[in-house]
Amino acid sequence: MEEKENNVFEETSSVNSAEAFKDKNDKKRRAASEVLDWFDTVITSIVAIIVIFALITRLSTVDGGSMKPTLQDMERLLITDFAYTPERNDIVVVWTEGLFNERNNEWGKAIVKRVIGVPGDTISLDITAGAVYRNGEKLPQEIKGGILYEDGHPINDYTTVSWDMPDEITVPEGYVFVMGDNRNDSIDSRDSRVGLVNVNNIIGKAYLRVAPFDSFGGLY
């Protein structure tokens, strides 16, 4: 009788051990599956971010000092043209065929400027007073912290050069009028080599400065 009971105990123990082993393996498989699912989610997210980044944003480098004090030479910017409609005071990177690119030794150059006039706006200058007018109204100027601001953004100096710009320009549909914040050292829409910029030649709006790191931040 005792031997029979021992046999039953051994069989029961074997069954329990087998179930415990199976349960342990199931837990391992579930854990491994969860880890794989996590990696799959992470990788899918990274790929999605890369694709979105490639489609709607790109990196651009400031070339020169025409946007001082807002931007400095060789700063790196993120720009996008995704569902973009130009607005006044946007900082944009535009393509112009009228400027010679000395670095590439060819005609055609990307430049970064600020949108001053959009379709329907009439722009004029008073270089004696150093002022810009839009639709007959002088863009407001003020000095804050020793920095000159015009229409809410910093500029390097009062506007005292007009290049070969006519007395006034009315911006037609499909174009914008752009200027550099370094008003007296910027080749922009005041110069016939650039002129009014076709919106199709806007590479993108600059929205974030990413380098140098100590200047990291949004743009306005």
Protein backbone atom coordinates (compact mmCIF):
# COMPACT_ATOMS: atom_id res chain seq x y z
CA MET A 1 0.00 0.00 0.00
CA GLU A 2 2.78 2.34 0.96
CA GLU A 3 4.61 1.57 -2.31
CA LYS A 4 1.46 2.39 -4.28
CA GLU A 5 1.09 5.69 -2.49
CA ASN A 6 4.74 6.48 -3.23
CA ASN A 7 4.14 5.77 -6.91
CA VAL A 8 1.13 8.10 -6.94
CA PHE A 9 3.17 10.80 -5.21
CA GLU A 10 6.00 10.39 -7.73
CA GLU A 11 3.57 10.57 -10.66
CA THR A 12 1.89 13.66 -9.16
CA SER A 13 5.26 15.28 -8.55
CA SER A 14 6.29 14.57 -12.13
CA VAL A 15 3.07 16.11 -13.44
CA ASN A 16 3.55 19.19 -11.24
CA SER A 17 7.17 19.52 -12.34
CA ALA A 18 6.16 19.29 -15.99
CA GLU A 19 3.46 21.91 -15.54
CA ALA A 20 5.86 24.17 -13.66
CA PHE A 21 8.44 23.75 -16.42
CA LYS A 22 5.83 24.51 -19.09
CA ASP A 23 4.60 27.54 -17.15
CA LYS A 24 8.17 28.79 -16.77
CA ASN A 25 8.80 28.40 -20.52
CA ASP A 26 5.50 30.16 -21.28
CA LYS A 27 6.56 33.08 -19.09
CA LYS A 28 9.91 33.22 -20.85
CA ARG A 29 8.22 33.20 -24.26
CA ARG A 30 5.78 35.93 -23.18
CA ALA A 31 8.65 38.03 -21.79
CA ALA A 32 10.67 37.54 -24.98
CA SER A 33 7.58 38.40 -27.06
CA GLU A 34 7.01 41.57 -25.02
CA VAL A 35 10.63 42.61 -25.47
CA LEU A 36 10.42 41.99 -29.23
CA ASP A 37 7.15 43.94 -29.41
CA TRP A 38 8.80 46.81 -27.52
CA PHE A 39 11.79 46.84 -29.88
CA ASP A 40 9.44 46.68 -32.86
CA THR A 41 7.49 49.67 -31.55
CA VAL A 42 10.68 51.65 -30.89
CA ILE A 43 12.17 50.86 -34.30
CA THR A 44 8.88 51.66 -36.07
CA SER A 45 8.68 54.98 -34.20
CA ILE A 46 12.27 55.87 -35.09
CA VAL A 47 11.69 55.04 -38.76
CA ALA A 48 8.48 57.10 -38.75
CA ILE A 49 10.29 60.07 -37.19
CA ILE A 50 13.10 59.82 -39.77
CA VAL A 51 10.59 59.66 -42.65
CA ILE A 52 8.57 62.59 -41.30
CA PHE A 53 11.74 64.59 -40.68
CA ALA A 54 12.96 63.92 -44.21
CA LEU A 55 9.62 64.85 -45.75
CA ILE A 56 8.69 68.03 -43.86
CA THR A 57 11.89 69.49 -42.46
CA ARG A 58 15.51 69.95 -43.43
CA LEU A 59 18.71 71.50 -42.19
CA SER A 60 20.04 74.81 -43.50
CA THR A 61 23.22 76.78 -42.73
CA VAL A 62 23.34 80.56 -42.46
CA ASP A 63 25.85 81.98 -44.95
CA GLY A 64 27.01 85.48 -44.02
CA GLY A 65 25.84 88.20 -41.67
CA SER A 66 22.82 89.64 -43.46
CA MET A 67 20.45 88.53 -40.67
CA LYS A 68 22.37 89.94 -37.71
CA PRO A 69 21.57 90.33 -34.86
CA THR A 70 18.95 87.58 -35.18
CA LEU A 71 21.17 85.03 -36.92
CA GLN A 72 24.93 84.64 -37.14
CA ASP A 73 27.12 83.23 -39.88
CA MET A 74 27.30 79.42 -39.94
CA GLU A 75 24.43 78.86 -37.53
CA ARG A 76 22.35 75.78 -38.34
CA LEU A 77 18.59 76.04 -38.73
CA LEU A 78 15.70 73.66 -39.15
CA ILE A 79 13.32 74.75 -41.90
CA THR A 80 10.04 73.39 -43.22
CA ASP A 81 7.72 74.06 -46.14
CA PHE A 82 5.02 71.65 -45.00
CA ALA A 83 1.59 73.30 -45.52
CA TYR A 84 3.38 76.64 -45.41
CA THR A 85 1.87 79.99 -46.35
CA PRO A 86 4.23 82.98 -45.97
CA GLU A 87 3.34 85.52 -43.30
CA ARG A 88 4.85 88.84 -42.35
CA ASN A 89 8.00 88.59 -40.22
CA ASP A 90 8.61 84.91 -41.02
CA ILE A 91 12.27 84.01 -41.41
CA VAL A 92 12.58 82.11 -44.68
CA VAL A 93 15.24 80.46 -46.81
CA VAL A 94 14.72 81.36 -50.46
CA TRP A 95 16.35 80.37 -53.72
CA THR A 96 17.51 83.10 -56.08
CA GLU A 97 19.09 82.69 -59.49
CA GLY A 98 20.44 86.25 -59.59
CA LEU A 99 23.24 85.82 -57.07
CA PHE A 100 26.55 84.11 -57.70
CA ASN A 101 27.48 81.33 -55.30
CA GLU A 102 31.22 81.67 -54.78
CA ARG A 103 31.47 78.46 -52.79
CA ASN A 104 30.04 76.39 -55.65
CA ASN A 105 31.32 78.72 -58.38
CA GLU A 106 27.93 78.88 -60.05
CA TRP A 107 24.85 81.06 -60.35
CA GLY A 108 22.03 80.43 -57.95
CA LYS A 109 22.11 80.73 -54.19
CA ALA A 110 19.95 80.02 -51.12
CA ILE A 111 19.65 83.04 -48.83
CA VAL A 112 17.91 83.56 -45.49
CA LYS A 113 15.76 86.68 -45.05
CA ARG A 114 12.67 87.98 -43.28
CA VAL A 115 9.29 88.42 -44.96
CA ILE A 116 8.34 92.10 -44.86
CA GLY A 117 5.54 92.16 -47.42
CA VAL A 118 3.00 89.57 -48.56
CA PRO A 119 0.65 89.74 -51.56
CA GLY A 120 -1.26 93.01 -51.59
CA ASP A 121 1.22 94.92 -49.41
CA THR A 122 2.87 98.08 -50.68
CA ILE A 123 6.41 98.60 -49.36
CA SER A 124 8.32 101.87 -49.38
CA LEU A 125 11.41 103.22 -47.61
CA ASP A 126 12.42 106.50 -46.04
CA ILE A 127 16.20 106.15 -45.96
CA THR A 128 16.61 109.61 -44.46
CA ALA A 129 14.58 108.60 -41.42
CA GLY A 130 15.80 105.02 -41.59
CA ALA A 131 12.26 103.66 -41.72
CA VAL A 132 10.27 101.04 -43.61
CA TYR A 133 6.64 101.65 -44.54
CA ARG A 134 4.01 99.03 -45.26
CA ASN A 135 0.74 100.14 -46.77
CA GLY A 136 1.58 103.73 -45.89
CA GLU A 137 2.26 103.00 -42.22
CA LYS A 138 5.71 103.16 -40.67
CA LEU A 139 6.77 99.90 -39.08
CA PRO A 140 7.02 100.64 -35.34
CA GLN A 141 10.52 101.04 -33.96
CA GLU A 142 11.76 100.90 -30.38
CA ILE A 143 14.98 100.29 -28.47
CA LYS A 144 14.94 97.59 -25.81
CA GLY A 145 18.02 96.62 -23.85
CA GLY A 146 20.18 98.63 -26.23
CA ILE A 147 18.84 96.71 -29.24
CA LEU A 148 16.81 98.29 -32.02
CA TYR A 149 13.52 96.54 -32.75
CA GLU A 150 11.29 97.06 -35.76
CA ASP A 151 7.83 95.56 -36.00
CA GLY A 152 8.61 93.39 -32.98
CA HIS A 153 11.92 91.84 -34.06
CA PRO A 154 15.54 93.00 -33.65
CA ILE A 155 17.37 94.66 -36.52
CA ASN A 156 21.01 95.66 -36.74
CA ASP A 157 20.46 99.31 -37.70
CA TYR A 158 18.03 101.79 -39.17
CA THR A 159 17.35 101.23 -42.89
CA THR A 160 19.48 103.81 -44.72
CA VAL A 161 20.07 102.05 -48.05
CA SER A 162 17.55 101.18 -50.74
CA TRP A 163 19.89 99.66 -53.35
CA ASP A 164 18.08 99.99 -56.71
CA MET A 165 14.56 99.63 -55.31
CA PRO A 166 11.91 101.95 -56.82
CA ASP A 167 10.10 104.42 -54.58
CA GLU A 168 7.54 101.79 -53.67
CA ILE A 169 6.69 98.20 -54.55
CA THR A 170 3.29 96.53 -54.42
CA VAL A 171 3.65 92.80 -53.86
CA PRO A 172 1.65 90.79 -56.43
CA GLU A 173 -0.09 87.49 -55.81
CA GLY A 174 2.35 84.60 -55.51
CA TYR A 175 5.30 86.73 -54.31
CA VAL A 176 6.81 88.13 -51.11
CA PHE A 177 9.09 91.05 -50.32
CA VAL A 178 12.03 90.08 -48.10
CA MET A 179 14.76 91.94 -46.23
CA GLY A 180 17.66 91.02 -43.98
CA ASP A 181 17.67 92.15 -40.34
CA ASN A 182 21.14 93.58 -40.97
CA ARG A 183 19.43 96.25 -43.00
CA ASN A 184 22.45 98.02 -44.46
CA ASP A 185 24.44 94.90 -45.28
CA SER A 186 21.87 92.66 -46.93
CA ILE A 187 21.17 91.85 -50.55
CA ASP A 188 17.43 91.28 -50.62
CA SER A 189 14.24 92.44 -52.38
CA ARG A 190 15.61 95.97 -52.52
CA ASP A 191 18.18 94.68 -54.99
CA SER A 192 17.04 93.72 -58.48
CA ARG A 193 19.28 90.65 -58.40
CA VAL A 194 16.85 89.25 -55.83
CA GLY A 195 13.73 91.36 -56.24
CA LEU A 196 10.34 90.04 -55.25
CA VAL A 197 10.56 86.36 -54.34
CA ASN A 198 8.22 83.87 -55.98
CA VAL A 199 6.63 81.76 -53.23
CA ASN A 200 7.63 78.68 -55.23
CA ASN A 201 11.24 79.65 -54.55
CA ILE A 202 10.77 79.59 -50.78
CA ILE A 203 12.68 76.54 -49.63
CA GLY A 204 11.14 76.74 -46.19
CA LYS A 205 10.41 78.71 -43.07
CA ALA A 206 13.15 78.65 -40.41
CA TYR A 207 11.63 77.71 -37.08
CA LEU A 208 14.47 76.39 -34.90
CA ARG A 209 18.17 77.14 -34.41
CA VAL A 210 19.97 73.90 -33.56
CA ALA A 211 23.64 74.94 -33.62
CA PRO A 212 25.67 76.17 -31.94
CA PHE A 213 24.05 74.45 -28.99
CA ASP A 214 24.33 77.48 -26.68
CA SER A 215 22.06 79.36 -29.13
CA PHE A 216 19.53 76.55 -29.44
CA GLY A 217 15.95 77.80 -29.59
CA GLY A 218 12.96 78.88 -31.59
CA LEU A 219 13.04 81.75 -34.08
CA TYR A 220 10.73 84.69 -34.44
